[in-house]
Structure formats: structure tokens, C-alpha cells
Amino acid sequence: MALSEHKTHVGRDTLIRVVTPRPLTESHAARYAWAAARFALGWVFLWAFVDKTFGLGHETPAAKAWIDGGSPTEGFLAHSPAGPFADLYHDIAGAGWADWLFMIGLGGIGAALILGVGMRIAAAAGAALLLMMWSAVLPPENNPFMDDHLVYAILIVGLALVSAGDTLGLGRWWGGTRLVKRLPFLK
């Protein structure tokens, strides 16, 4: 636990030094570590959005770019394993509404994490998206149930809980806006 120190005057000539424990999430090192995790996870979402939109050739070939008529959901969902939700995901693979929702989610969550704003909504939407992606690959390839989607879902919720957007982000400013004060779920 980190320590917080301050001085208190008890009398005219008496000065007491008070040292109180401070949660680790409030230490400078922890805040910067959470900010780094926020940037890293934000980049994961934002990169997926950019690559699928423009077909930069990492996971999405140029011929399958969304701007050229490719479907960002078809490849992942149509080839999902024969798990308990396979039929559902095969049915929505390539649907226009699914493509739009998926891409809005990727771009919005990525931007929110990078900027440090709307962390509560980004956490809820991101965790939901990640849980759906996890359920599409059931059973995971290398573990009975755990994979990177669940780890990222836990991480994104943790980022919102520790107000990770306030360090090296616009979270503190965003939280002080009239809109967020009126609608705190937007924080």
C-alpha cells in the first residue's frame, strides 16, 4: 500500500506528521500502469476497426476491406467452431446490421479507451462484445474455458472501475462536463 503524508497543527507550537495508507490504485505508478493498459487495449480495438475498414493486410486482406464491400463479421463468425452458439453466429455472419454494430463498437470502444472518456459505457459495451466473441469460439482452442476475450473483458471493466481515463486522458475533463454531471453513466 502507498502512503500519503500531511502535516497537521495541533497547537500553536505542535506539528504532527500524519502518514496514512493510500490504496495502490491511487499511487502514481499504478495510475500510469492503468493508463498504459488503457492505451494498449484501446489500440487493440482501434487497430481491429482500422484494419477491417481499410483492409491493411494484417488480418483483413485489401480485397475484403469494409469500404470495398467486404464484411467484417463474415470471416470470424462464419468460420466459428461448432460450439453451443455456432448456429446463431453462422446465421448473423455477414448481415449488414451485424457489420455496422460490430464496427461501431470496435471504433467507439477503441476511441473511448484511447481518449479516456466514456469509460463506463466503453467497459459495458466492450465487455459485452468480448463475451460475444468468446462465446463464438467456444470451446477455446487452448483452454477449457479461458481465452484472451475473457481476460480483456475483465481488464476493460477494471479500467473503468479505477478511473483509468483520468491519467494521460481526458477523463477528468469529461467527468466535469455538464452532460456527464447530468448523466453520470456517461463517465
N, C-alpha and C. Protein backbone atom coordinates (compact mmCIF):
# COMPACT_ATOMS: atom_id res chain seq x y z
N MET A 1 0.84 -1.16 0.00
CA MET A 1 0.00 0.00 0.00
C MET A 1 0.89 1.24 0.00
N ALA A 2 0.54 2.25 -0.79
CA ALA A 2 1.28 3.50 -0.81
C ALA A 2 0.89 4.34 0.40
N LEU A 3 1.74 5.30 0.71
CA LEU A 3 1.47 6.14 1.87
C LEU A 3 1.23 7.57 1.45
N SER A 4 0.34 8.23 2.17
CA SER A 4 0.05 9.64 1.95
C SER A 4 0.48 10.37 3.22
N GLU A 5 1.17 11.47 3.04
CA GLU A 5 1.69 12.17 4.21
C GLU A 5 1.21 13.62 4.20
N HIS A 6 0.82 14.11 5.36
CA HIS A 6 0.48 15.52 5.51
C HIS A 6 0.78 15.96 6.95
N LYS A 7 0.90 17.25 7.15
CA LYS A 7 1.22 17.79 8.47
C LYS A 7 0.00 18.49 9.03
N THR A 8 -0.21 18.31 10.31
CA THR A 8 -1.35 18.90 10.99
C THR A 8 -0.86 19.67 12.21
N HIS A 9 -1.32 20.90 12.36
CA HIS A 9 -1.01 21.70 13.55
C HIS A 9 -2.01 21.35 14.64
N VAL A 10 -1.51 20.95 15.82
CA VAL A 10 -2.37 20.62 16.93
C VAL A 10 -2.50 21.82 17.86
N GLY A 11 -1.45 22.47 18.07
CA GLY A 11 -1.44 23.67 18.91
C GLY A 11 -0.59 24.73 18.24
N ARG A 12 -0.30 25.77 19.00
CA ARG A 12 0.47 26.86 18.43
C ARG A 12 1.87 26.40 18.05
N ASP A 13 2.47 25.55 18.83
CA ASP A 13 3.84 25.14 18.57
C ASP A 13 3.97 23.64 18.26
N THR A 14 2.87 22.94 18.16
CA THR A 14 2.93 21.48 17.96
C THR A 14 2.53 21.13 16.54
N LEU A 15 3.40 20.41 15.86
CA LEU A 15 3.16 19.96 14.50
C LEU A 15 3.25 18.44 14.48
N ILE A 16 2.23 17.81 13.98
CA ILE A 16 2.21 16.35 13.91
C ILE A 16 2.27 15.94 12.45
N ARG A 17 3.13 14.98 12.17
CA ARG A 17 3.22 14.41 10.83
C ARG A 17 2.33 13.17 10.79
N VAL A 18 1.33 13.18 9.91
CA VAL A 18 0.37 12.08 9.81
C VAL A 18 0.65 11.32 8.51
N VAL A 19 0.86 10.03 8.66
CA VAL A 19 1.08 9.16 7.50
C VAL A 19 -0.07 8.17 7.45
N THR A 20 -0.81 8.18 6.36
CA THR A 20 -1.95 7.28 6.23
C THR A 20 -1.77 6.41 4.98
N PRO A 21 -2.21 5.18 5.04
CA PRO A 21 -2.11 4.33 3.85
C PRO A 21 -3.06 4.81 2.77
N ARG A 22 -2.64 4.65 1.54
CA ARG A 22 -3.42 5.04 0.38
C ARG A 22 -3.53 3.81 -0.52
N PRO A 23 -4.70 3.52 -1.08
CA PRO A 23 -4.80 2.35 -1.96
C PRO A 23 -3.79 2.43 -3.10
N LEU A 24 -3.27 1.28 -3.50
CA LEU A 24 -2.28 1.24 -4.57
C LEU A 24 -2.80 1.84 -5.86
N THR A 25 -4.10 1.76 -6.11
CA THR A 25 -4.64 2.31 -7.34
C THR A 25 -4.51 3.83 -7.40
N GLU A 26 -4.21 4.45 -6.26
CA GLU A 26 -4.05 5.90 -6.23
C GLU A 26 -2.59 6.32 -6.32
N SER A 27 -1.65 5.39 -6.31
CA SER A 27 -0.24 5.75 -6.42
C SER A 27 0.05 6.18 -7.86
N HIS A 28 1.10 7.00 -8.02
CA HIS A 28 1.46 7.47 -9.36
C HIS A 28 1.78 6.29 -10.28
N ALA A 29 2.55 5.33 -9.78
CA ALA A 29 2.94 4.18 -10.61
C ALA A 29 1.71 3.39 -11.06
N ALA A 30 0.77 3.16 -10.16
CA ALA A 30 -0.44 2.40 -10.52
C ALA A 30 -1.28 3.16 -11.53
N ARG A 31 -1.44 4.45 -11.34
CA ARG A 31 -2.24 5.24 -12.29
C ARG A 31 -1.64 5.18 -13.69
N TYR A 32 -0.31 5.26 -13.79
CA TYR A 32 0.33 5.20 -15.10
C TYR A 32 0.28 3.80 -15.68
N ALA A 33 0.35 2.78 -14.84
CA ALA A 33 0.22 1.40 -15.32
C ALA A 33 -1.19 1.17 -15.89
N TRP A 34 -2.22 1.67 -15.18
CA TRP A 34 -3.59 1.54 -15.69
C TRP A 34 -3.77 2.33 -16.98
N ALA A 35 -3.15 3.51 -17.06
CA ALA A 35 -3.24 4.30 -18.29
C ALA A 35 -2.58 3.55 -19.45
N ALA A 36 -1.44 2.91 -19.19
CA ALA A 36 -0.77 2.13 -20.23
C ALA A 36 -1.65 0.97 -20.68
N ALA A 37 -2.30 0.30 -19.73
CA ALA A 37 -3.21 -0.79 -20.07
C ALA A 37 -4.39 -0.27 -20.89
N ARG A 38 -4.87 0.92 -20.55
CA ARG A 38 -5.98 1.55 -21.28
C ARG A 38 -5.58 1.82 -22.73
N PHE A 39 -4.39 2.40 -22.92
CA PHE A 39 -3.90 2.66 -24.28
C PHE A 39 -3.73 1.36 -25.06
N ALA A 40 -3.16 0.34 -24.42
CA ALA A 40 -2.91 -0.93 -25.10
C ALA A 40 -4.22 -1.57 -25.55
N LEU A 41 -5.20 -1.65 -24.65
CA LEU A 41 -6.46 -2.27 -25.02
C LEU A 41 -7.22 -1.40 -26.03
N GLY A 42 -7.12 -0.09 -25.87
CA GLY A 42 -7.74 0.82 -26.84
C GLY A 42 -7.17 0.59 -28.23
N TRP A 43 -5.86 0.38 -28.30
CA TRP A 43 -5.22 0.14 -29.59
C TRP A 43 -5.69 -1.19 -30.19
N VAL A 44 -5.90 -2.20 -29.36
CA VAL A 44 -6.40 -3.49 -29.87
C VAL A 44 -7.74 -3.27 -30.59
N PHE A 45 -8.64 -2.54 -29.97
CA PHE A 45 -9.95 -2.26 -30.58
C PHE A 45 -9.82 -1.36 -31.80
N LEU A 46 -9.04 -0.28 -31.66
CA LEU A 46 -8.92 0.68 -32.76
C LEU A 46 -8.23 0.05 -33.97
N TRP A 47 -7.19 -0.75 -33.73
CA TRP A 47 -6.50 -1.39 -34.84
C TRP A 47 -7.44 -2.35 -35.58
N ALA A 48 -8.23 -3.12 -34.84
CA ALA A 48 -9.18 -4.03 -35.49
C ALA A 48 -10.14 -3.25 -36.37
N PHE A 49 -10.60 -2.09 -35.87
CA PHE A 49 -11.51 -1.24 -36.64
C PHE A 49 -10.84 -0.75 -37.93
N VAL A 50 -9.63 -0.21 -37.81
CA VAL A 50 -8.93 0.35 -38.97
C VAL A 50 -8.58 -0.75 -39.98
N ASP A 51 -8.07 -1.88 -39.49
CA ASP A 51 -7.68 -2.97 -40.38
C ASP A 51 -8.88 -3.52 -41.13
N LYS A 52 -10.00 -3.70 -40.45
CA LYS A 52 -11.19 -4.24 -41.11
C LYS A 52 -11.81 -3.21 -42.06
N THR A 53 -11.71 -1.93 -41.71
CA THR A 53 -12.27 -0.89 -42.57
C THR A 53 -11.50 -0.77 -43.88
N PHE A 54 -10.17 -0.73 -43.79
CA PHE A 54 -9.35 -0.45 -44.97
C PHE A 54 -8.62 -1.67 -45.53
N GLY A 55 -8.71 -2.80 -44.88
CA GLY A 55 -8.04 -4.00 -45.38
C GLY A 55 -6.54 -3.80 -45.49
N LEU A 56 -5.91 -3.49 -44.37
CA LEU A 56 -4.49 -3.17 -44.38
C LEU A 56 -3.59 -4.39 -44.52
N GLY A 57 -4.19 -5.56 -44.57
CA GLY A 57 -3.43 -6.76 -44.84
C GLY A 57 -2.91 -7.50 -43.63
N HIS A 58 -3.19 -7.00 -42.43
CA HIS A 58 -2.72 -7.75 -41.26
C HIS A 58 -3.63 -8.96 -41.04
N GLU A 59 -4.86 -8.73 -40.67
CA GLU A 59 -5.86 -9.80 -40.56
C GLU A 59 -6.87 -9.73 -41.69
N THR A 60 -7.02 -8.55 -42.27
CA THR A 60 -8.00 -8.35 -43.33
C THR A 60 -7.29 -8.00 -44.63
N PRO A 61 -7.35 -8.86 -45.63
CA PRO A 61 -6.73 -8.52 -46.91
C PRO A 61 -7.45 -7.35 -47.57
N ALA A 62 -6.75 -6.61 -48.40
CA ALA A 62 -7.31 -5.42 -49.05
C ALA A 62 -8.60 -5.75 -49.80
N ALA A 63 -8.68 -6.91 -50.40
CA ALA A 63 -9.86 -7.29 -51.17
C ALA A 63 -11.10 -7.46 -50.29
N LYS A 64 -10.92 -7.64 -48.99
CA LYS A 64 -12.06 -7.84 -48.09
C LYS A 64 -12.31 -6.64 -47.17
N ALA A 65 -11.75 -5.48 -47.54
CA ALA A 65 -11.94 -4.27 -46.74
C ALA A 65 -13.41 -3.90 -46.70
N TRP A 66 -13.84 -3.38 -45.56
CA TRP A 66 -15.24 -2.99 -45.39
C TRP A 66 -15.61 -1.89 -46.39
N ILE A 67 -14.71 -0.96 -46.64
CA ILE A 67 -15.03 0.13 -47.58
C ILE A 67 -15.15 -0.36 -49.02
N ASP A 68 -14.66 -1.57 -49.28
CA ASP A 68 -14.77 -2.15 -50.62
C ASP A 68 -15.84 -3.23 -50.69
N GLY A 69 -16.73 -3.26 -49.70
CA GLY A 69 -17.85 -4.19 -49.73
C GLY A 69 -17.64 -5.48 -48.95
N GLY A 70 -16.49 -5.63 -48.32
CA GLY A 70 -16.25 -6.82 -47.50
C GLY A 70 -17.06 -6.76 -46.22
N SER A 71 -17.21 -7.91 -45.60
CA SER A 71 -17.97 -8.00 -44.35
C SER A 71 -17.03 -8.25 -43.19
N PRO A 72 -17.00 -7.33 -42.20
CA PRO A 72 -16.11 -7.52 -41.06
C PRO A 72 -16.52 -8.68 -40.14
N THR A 73 -17.78 -9.13 -40.23
CA THR A 73 -18.21 -10.21 -39.34
C THR A 73 -18.19 -11.58 -40.01
N GLU A 74 -18.23 -11.60 -41.32
CA GLU A 74 -18.39 -12.87 -42.02
C GLU A 74 -17.24 -13.84 -41.76
N GLY A 75 -16.02 -13.41 -41.89
CA GLY A 75 -14.89 -14.32 -41.72
C GLY A 75 -14.83 -14.95 -40.34
N PHE A 76 -15.00 -14.13 -39.31
CA PHE A 76 -14.90 -14.61 -37.94
C PHE A 76 -16.10 -15.48 -37.57
N LEU A 77 -17.29 -15.01 -37.87
CA LEU A 77 -18.49 -15.73 -37.43
C LEU A 77 -18.83 -16.95 -38.29
N ALA A 78 -18.62 -16.83 -39.59
CA ALA A 78 -18.96 -17.95 -40.47
C ALA A 78 -18.05 -19.15 -40.24
N HIS A 79 -16.87 -18.91 -39.73
CA HIS A 79 -15.92 -20.00 -39.51
C HIS A 79 -15.72 -20.28 -38.02
N SER A 80 -16.66 -19.86 -37.20
CA SER A 80 -16.55 -20.15 -35.77
C SER A 80 -16.76 -21.65 -35.57
N PRO A 81 -16.13 -22.20 -34.54
CA PRO A 81 -16.23 -23.66 -34.33
C PRO A 81 -17.66 -24.10 -34.02
N ALA A 82 -17.84 -25.36 -34.02
CA ALA A 82 -19.17 -25.93 -33.80
C ALA A 82 -19.49 -25.98 -32.31
N GLY A 83 -19.48 -24.81 -31.68
CA GLY A 83 -19.80 -24.72 -30.26
C GLY A 83 -21.29 -24.57 -30.05
N PRO A 84 -21.70 -24.28 -28.81
CA PRO A 84 -23.13 -24.21 -28.48
C PRO A 84 -23.87 -23.08 -29.19
N PHE A 85 -23.16 -22.05 -29.65
CA PHE A 85 -23.84 -20.92 -30.30
C PHE A 85 -23.51 -20.83 -31.79
N ALA A 86 -22.93 -21.88 -32.35
CA ALA A 86 -22.47 -21.86 -33.74
C ALA A 86 -23.58 -21.49 -34.71
N ASP A 87 -24.75 -22.08 -34.56
CA ASP A 87 -25.85 -21.80 -35.49
C ASP A 87 -26.26 -20.33 -35.46
N LEU A 88 -26.35 -19.75 -34.27
CA LEU A 88 -26.69 -18.34 -34.14
C LEU A 88 -25.66 -17.46 -34.85
N TYR A 89 -24.40 -17.71 -34.59
CA TYR A 89 -23.35 -16.87 -35.19
C TYR A 89 -23.22 -17.10 -36.69
N HIS A 90 -23.42 -18.32 -37.15
CA HIS A 90 -23.39 -18.58 -38.59
C HIS A 90 -24.53 -17.85 -39.28
N ASP A 91 -25.68 -17.76 -38.62
CA ASP A 91 -26.84 -17.08 -39.20
C ASP A 91 -26.64 -15.57 -39.34
N ILE A 92 -25.94 -14.94 -38.41
CA ILE A 92 -25.78 -13.48 -38.49
C ILE A 92 -24.48 -13.08 -39.19
N ALA A 93 -23.63 -14.03 -39.51
CA ALA A 93 -22.37 -13.72 -40.20
C ALA A 93 -22.66 -13.00 -41.52
N GLY A 94 -22.05 -11.84 -41.68
CA GLY A 94 -22.19 -11.08 -42.92
C GLY A 94 -23.43 -10.22 -43.02
N ALA A 95 -24.33 -10.26 -42.02
CA ALA A 95 -25.53 -9.41 -42.06
C ALA A 95 -25.12 -7.95 -41.93
N GLY A 96 -25.73 -7.10 -42.71
CA GLY A 96 -25.37 -5.67 -42.71
C GLY A 96 -25.48 -5.04 -41.33
N TRP A 97 -26.57 -5.32 -40.63
CA TRP A 97 -26.75 -4.75 -39.29
C TRP A 97 -25.67 -5.22 -38.34
N ALA A 98 -25.26 -6.49 -38.45
CA ALA A 98 -24.21 -7.02 -37.58
C ALA A 98 -22.87 -6.35 -37.89
N ASP A 99 -22.60 -6.15 -39.19
CA ASP A 99 -21.36 -5.47 -39.58
C ASP A 99 -21.30 -4.07 -39.00
N TRP A 100 -22.40 -3.32 -39.14
CA TRP A 100 -22.44 -1.96 -38.64
C TRP A 100 -22.29 -1.90 -37.11
N LEU A 101 -23.02 -2.74 -36.40
CA LEU A 101 -22.92 -2.74 -34.94
C LEU A 101 -21.51 -3.12 -34.49
N PHE A 102 -20.94 -4.12 -35.13
CA PHE A 102 -19.59 -4.57 -34.78
C PHE A 102 -18.57 -3.46 -35.01
N MET A 103 -18.64 -2.81 -36.16
CA MET A 103 -17.66 -1.77 -36.48
C MET A 103 -17.85 -0.52 -35.62
N ILE A 104 -19.09 -0.13 -35.35
CA ILE A 104 -19.34 1.00 -34.45
C ILE A 104 -18.80 0.66 -33.07
N GLY A 105 -19.01 -0.56 -32.64
CA GLY A 105 -18.48 -1.00 -31.34
C GLY A 105 -16.96 -0.94 -31.31
N LEU A 106 -16.30 -1.53 -32.29
CA LEU A 106 -14.83 -1.51 -32.31
C LEU A 106 -14.29 -0.08 -32.30
N GLY A 107 -14.81 0.76 -33.20
CA GLY A 107 -14.32 2.14 -33.30
C GLY A 107 -14.63 2.96 -32.07
N GLY A 108 -15.86 2.86 -31.57
CA GLY A 108 -16.26 3.64 -30.40
C GLY A 108 -15.53 3.23 -29.14
N ILE A 109 -15.41 1.94 -28.91
CA ILE A 109 -14.70 1.46 -27.72
C ILE A 109 -13.23 1.83 -27.80
N GLY A 110 -12.63 1.63 -28.97
CA GLY A 110 -11.21 1.99 -29.14
C GLY A 110 -10.96 3.46 -28.91
N ALA A 111 -11.79 4.32 -29.50
CA ALA A 111 -11.63 5.77 -29.32
C ALA A 111 -11.84 6.17 -27.87
N ALA A 112 -12.86 5.62 -27.22
CA ALA A 112 -13.13 5.96 -25.81
C ALA A 112 -11.95 5.58 -24.93
N LEU A 113 -11.37 4.40 -25.15
CA LEU A 113 -10.23 3.98 -24.34
C LEU A 113 -9.01 4.85 -24.60
N ILE A 114 -8.72 5.12 -25.85
CA ILE A 114 -7.55 5.94 -26.16
C ILE A 114 -7.70 7.34 -25.56
N LEU A 115 -8.88 7.93 -25.68
CA LEU A 115 -9.12 9.28 -25.16
C LEU A 115 -9.35 9.31 -23.66
N GLY A 116 -9.79 8.20 -23.09
CA GLY A 116 -10.08 8.15 -21.66
C GLY A 116 -11.43 8.73 -21.29
N VAL A 117 -12.36 8.77 -22.24
CA VAL A 117 -13.70 9.31 -21.99
C VAL A 117 -14.73 8.20 -22.13
N GLY A 118 -15.86 8.36 -21.47
CA GLY A 118 -16.94 7.38 -21.59
C GLY A 118 -16.50 5.99 -21.17
N MET A 119 -15.68 5.92 -20.14
CA MET A 119 -15.10 4.64 -19.73
C MET A 119 -16.15 3.65 -19.26
N ARG A 120 -17.22 4.13 -18.62
CA ARG A 120 -18.27 3.21 -18.15
C ARG A 120 -19.00 2.56 -19.31
N ILE A 121 -19.35 3.36 -20.30
CA ILE A 121 -20.03 2.82 -21.48
C ILE A 121 -19.08 1.94 -22.27
N ALA A 122 -17.83 2.38 -22.43
CA ALA A 122 -16.84 1.58 -23.14
C ALA A 122 -16.64 0.23 -22.45
N ALA A 123 -16.62 0.24 -21.12
CA ALA A 123 -16.45 -1.01 -20.37
C ALA A 123 -17.64 -1.94 -20.57
N ALA A 124 -18.84 -1.41 -20.48
CA ALA A 124 -20.04 -2.24 -20.65
C ALA A 124 -20.12 -2.78 -22.07
N ALA A 125 -19.95 -1.90 -23.06
CA ALA A 125 -20.04 -2.33 -24.45
C ALA A 125 -18.88 -3.26 -24.81
N GLY A 126 -17.68 -2.91 -24.35
CA GLY A 126 -16.51 -3.73 -24.64
C GLY A 126 -16.61 -5.11 -24.03
N ALA A 127 -17.03 -5.17 -22.77
CA ALA A 127 -17.18 -6.48 -22.11
C ALA A 127 -18.24 -7.31 -22.82
N ALA A 128 -19.35 -6.68 -23.22
CA ALA A 128 -20.40 -7.41 -23.94
C ALA A 128 -19.88 -7.94 -25.28
N LEU A 129 -19.19 -7.10 -26.03
CA LEU A 129 -18.64 -7.51 -27.32
C LEU A 129 -17.63 -8.64 -27.14
N LEU A 130 -16.76 -8.50 -26.16
CA LEU A 130 -15.76 -9.53 -25.91
C LEU A 130 -16.39 -10.85 -25.46
N LEU A 131 -17.42 -10.78 -24.64
CA LEU A 131 -18.11 -12.01 -24.22
C LEU A 131 -18.80 -12.69 -25.40
N MET A 132 -19.36 -11.89 -26.31
CA MET A 132 -19.97 -12.49 -27.50
C MET A 132 -18.89 -13.14 -28.38
N MET A 133 -17.76 -12.48 -28.53
CA MET A 133 -16.67 -13.05 -29.33
C MET A 133 -16.15 -14.33 -28.67
N TRP A 134 -16.08 -14.33 -27.34
CA TRP A 134 -15.66 -15.54 -26.61
C TRP A 134 -16.65 -16.67 -26.86
N SER A 135 -17.95 -16.35 -26.79
CA SER A 135 -18.96 -17.40 -26.97
C SER A 135 -18.97 -17.92 -28.41
N ALA A 136 -18.48 -17.12 -29.35
CA ALA A 136 -18.42 -17.57 -30.75
C ALA A 136 -17.30 -18.58 -30.98
N VAL A 137 -16.30 -18.60 -30.12
CA VAL A 137 -15.18 -19.53 -30.32
C VAL A 137 -15.19 -20.68 -29.32
N LEU A 138 -16.32 -20.88 -28.65
CA LEU A 138 -16.39 -21.98 -27.69
C LEU A 138 -16.32 -23.33 -28.40
N PRO A 139 -15.63 -24.27 -27.89
CA PRO A 139 -14.69 -24.15 -26.78
C PRO A 139 -13.39 -23.52 -27.27
N PRO A 140 -12.72 -22.74 -26.40
CA PRO A 140 -11.46 -22.12 -26.81
C PRO A 140 -10.44 -23.19 -27.22
N GLU A 141 -9.53 -22.77 -28.05
CA GLU A 141 -8.57 -23.70 -28.63
C GLU A 141 -7.58 -24.27 -27.62
N ASN A 142 -7.11 -23.45 -26.68
CA ASN A 142 -6.01 -23.86 -25.81
C ASN A 142 -6.36 -24.00 -24.33
N ASN A 143 -7.63 -23.92 -23.98
CA ASN A 143 -8.02 -23.95 -22.58
C ASN A 143 -9.47 -24.39 -22.50
N PRO A 144 -9.88 -25.03 -21.42
CA PRO A 144 -11.28 -25.46 -21.33
C PRO A 144 -12.29 -24.31 -21.42
N PHE A 145 -11.96 -23.13 -20.89
CA PHE A 145 -12.92 -22.02 -20.96
C PHE A 145 -12.26 -20.64 -21.10
N MET A 146 -11.05 -20.46 -20.62
CA MET A 146 -10.41 -19.14 -20.58
C MET A 146 -9.68 -18.84 -21.89
N ASP A 147 -9.87 -17.62 -22.39
CA ASP A 147 -9.07 -17.15 -23.51
C ASP A 147 -8.91 -15.64 -23.41
N ASP A 148 -8.24 -15.04 -24.39
CA ASP A 148 -7.94 -13.61 -24.32
C ASP A 148 -9.18 -12.74 -24.28
N HIS A 149 -10.28 -13.18 -24.84
CA HIS A 149 -11.51 -12.37 -24.80
C HIS A 149 -11.99 -12.15 -23.36
N LEU A 150 -11.94 -13.19 -22.55
CA LEU A 150 -12.35 -13.05 -21.15
C LEU A 150 -11.36 -12.20 -20.37
N VAL A 151 -10.08 -12.36 -20.63
CA VAL A 151 -9.06 -11.55 -19.95
C VAL A 151 -9.26 -10.08 -20.29
N TYR A 152 -9.49 -9.78 -21.56
CA TYR A 152 -9.73 -8.39 -21.97
C TYR A 152 -11.02 -7.84 -21.36
N ALA A 153 -12.05 -8.67 -21.25
CA ALA A 153 -13.32 -8.23 -20.65
C ALA A 153 -13.10 -7.84 -19.19
N ILE A 154 -12.34 -8.64 -18.46
CA ILE A 154 -12.04 -8.32 -17.06
C ILE A 154 -11.22 -7.03 -16.99
N LEU A 155 -10.24 -6.90 -17.88
CA LEU A 155 -9.38 -5.72 -17.89
C LEU A 155 -10.17 -4.45 -18.19
N ILE A 156 -11.07 -4.50 -19.17
CA ILE A 156 -11.79 -3.28 -19.53
C ILE A 156 -12.71 -2.82 -18.39
N VAL A 157 -13.29 -3.76 -17.67
CA VAL A 157 -14.11 -3.41 -16.51
C VAL A 157 -13.22 -2.79 -15.43
N GLY A 158 -12.06 -3.37 -15.20
CA GLY A 158 -11.11 -2.82 -14.22
C GLY A 158 -10.68 -1.41 -14.57
N LEU A 159 -10.48 -1.15 -15.85
CA LEU A 159 -10.09 0.20 -16.29
C LEU A 159 -11.14 1.24 -15.91
N ALA A 160 -12.40 0.88 -16.08
CA ALA A 160 -13.47 1.81 -15.72
C ALA A 160 -13.55 1.98 -14.20
N LEU A 161 -13.37 0.90 -13.46
CA LEU A 161 -13.50 0.96 -12.00
C LEU A 161 -12.43 1.82 -11.34
N VAL A 162 -11.25 1.89 -11.93
CA VAL A 162 -10.17 2.69 -11.32
C VAL A 162 -10.04 4.06 -11.98
N SER A 163 -11.01 4.44 -12.79
CA SER A 163 -10.99 5.74 -13.49
C SER A 163 -9.68 5.94 -14.26
N ALA A 164 -9.33 4.92 -15.04
CA ALA A 164 -8.07 4.96 -15.79
C ALA A 164 -8.03 6.07 -16.82
N GLY A 165 -9.16 6.60 -17.22
CA GLY A 165 -9.19 7.69 -18.19
C GLY A 165 -8.73 9.02 -17.65
N ASP A 166 -8.60 9.12 -16.32
CA ASP A 166 -8.19 10.39 -15.70
C ASP A 166 -6.69 10.64 -15.83
N THR A 167 -5.89 9.59 -16.01
CA THR A 167 -4.44 9.74 -16.14
C THR A 167 -4.07 9.63 -17.61
N LEU A 168 -3.40 10.64 -18.11
CA LEU A 168 -3.00 10.71 -19.52
C LEU A 168 -4.20 10.57 -20.46
N GLY A 169 -5.33 11.07 -20.01
CA GLY A 169 -6.54 11.02 -20.82
C GLY A 169 -7.43 12.21 -20.50
N LEU A 170 -8.55 12.26 -21.13
CA LEU A 170 -9.49 13.37 -20.96
C LEU A 170 -10.60 13.06 -19.96
N GLY A 171 -10.43 11.99 -19.19
CA GLY A 171 -11.47 11.54 -18.28
C GLY A 171 -11.88 12.54 -17.23
N ARG A 172 -10.91 13.21 -16.63
CA ARG A 172 -11.24 14.18 -15.58
C ARG A 172 -12.04 15.34 -16.17
N TRP A 173 -11.60 15.84 -17.34
CA TRP A 173 -12.33 16.91 -18.01
C TRP A 173 -13.73 16.43 -18.40
N TRP A 174 -13.80 15.24 -19.02
CA TRP A 174 -15.08 14.68 -19.46
C TRP A 174 -16.05 14.54 -18.29
N GLY A 175 -15.55 14.06 -17.15
CA GLY A 175 -16.40 13.88 -15.97
C GLY A 175 -16.94 15.20 -15.43
N GLY A 176 -16.26 16.30 -15.72
CA GLY A 176 -16.70 17.61 -15.23
C GLY A 176 -17.65 18.33 -16.17
N THR A 177 -17.93 17.77 -17.34
CA THR A 177 -18.83 18.45 -18.27
C THR A 177 -20.26 18.40 -17.74
N ARG A 178 -21.05 19.36 -18.16
CA ARG A 178 -22.44 19.45 -17.74
C ARG A 178 -23.22 18.19 -18.13
N LEU A 179 -22.95 17.67 -19.33
CA LEU A 179 -23.64 16.48 -19.81
C LEU A 179 -23.40 15.28 -18.88
N VAL A 180 -22.14 15.04 -18.52
CA VAL A 180 -21.81 13.89 -17.69
C VAL A 180 -22.28 14.09 -16.26
N LYS A 181 -22.28 15.32 -15.78
CA LYS A 181 -22.82 15.57 -14.44
C LYS A 181 -24.31 15.28 -14.39
N ARG A 182 -25.00 15.55 -15.50
CA ARG A 182 -26.43 15.29 -15.58
C ARG A 182 -26.71 13.80 -15.82
N LEU A 183 -25.82 13.14 -16.59
CA LEU A 183 -25.99 11.72 -16.94
C LEU A 183 -24.71 10.96 -16.55
N PRO A 184 -24.53 10.66 -15.28
CA PRO A 184 -23.26 10.08 -14.79
C PRO A 184 -22.87 8.75 -15.43
N PHE A 185 -23.81 8.02 -16.01
CA PHE A 185 -23.45 6.76 -16.65
C PHE A 185 -22.55 6.99 -17.86
N LEU A 186 -22.48 8.24 -18.34
CA LEU A 186 -21.61 8.56 -19.48
C LEU A 186 -20.14 8.72 -19.07
N LYS A 187 -19.86 8.75 -17.76
CA LYS A 187 -18.49 8.96 -17.29
C LYS A 187 -17.63 7.83 -17.79
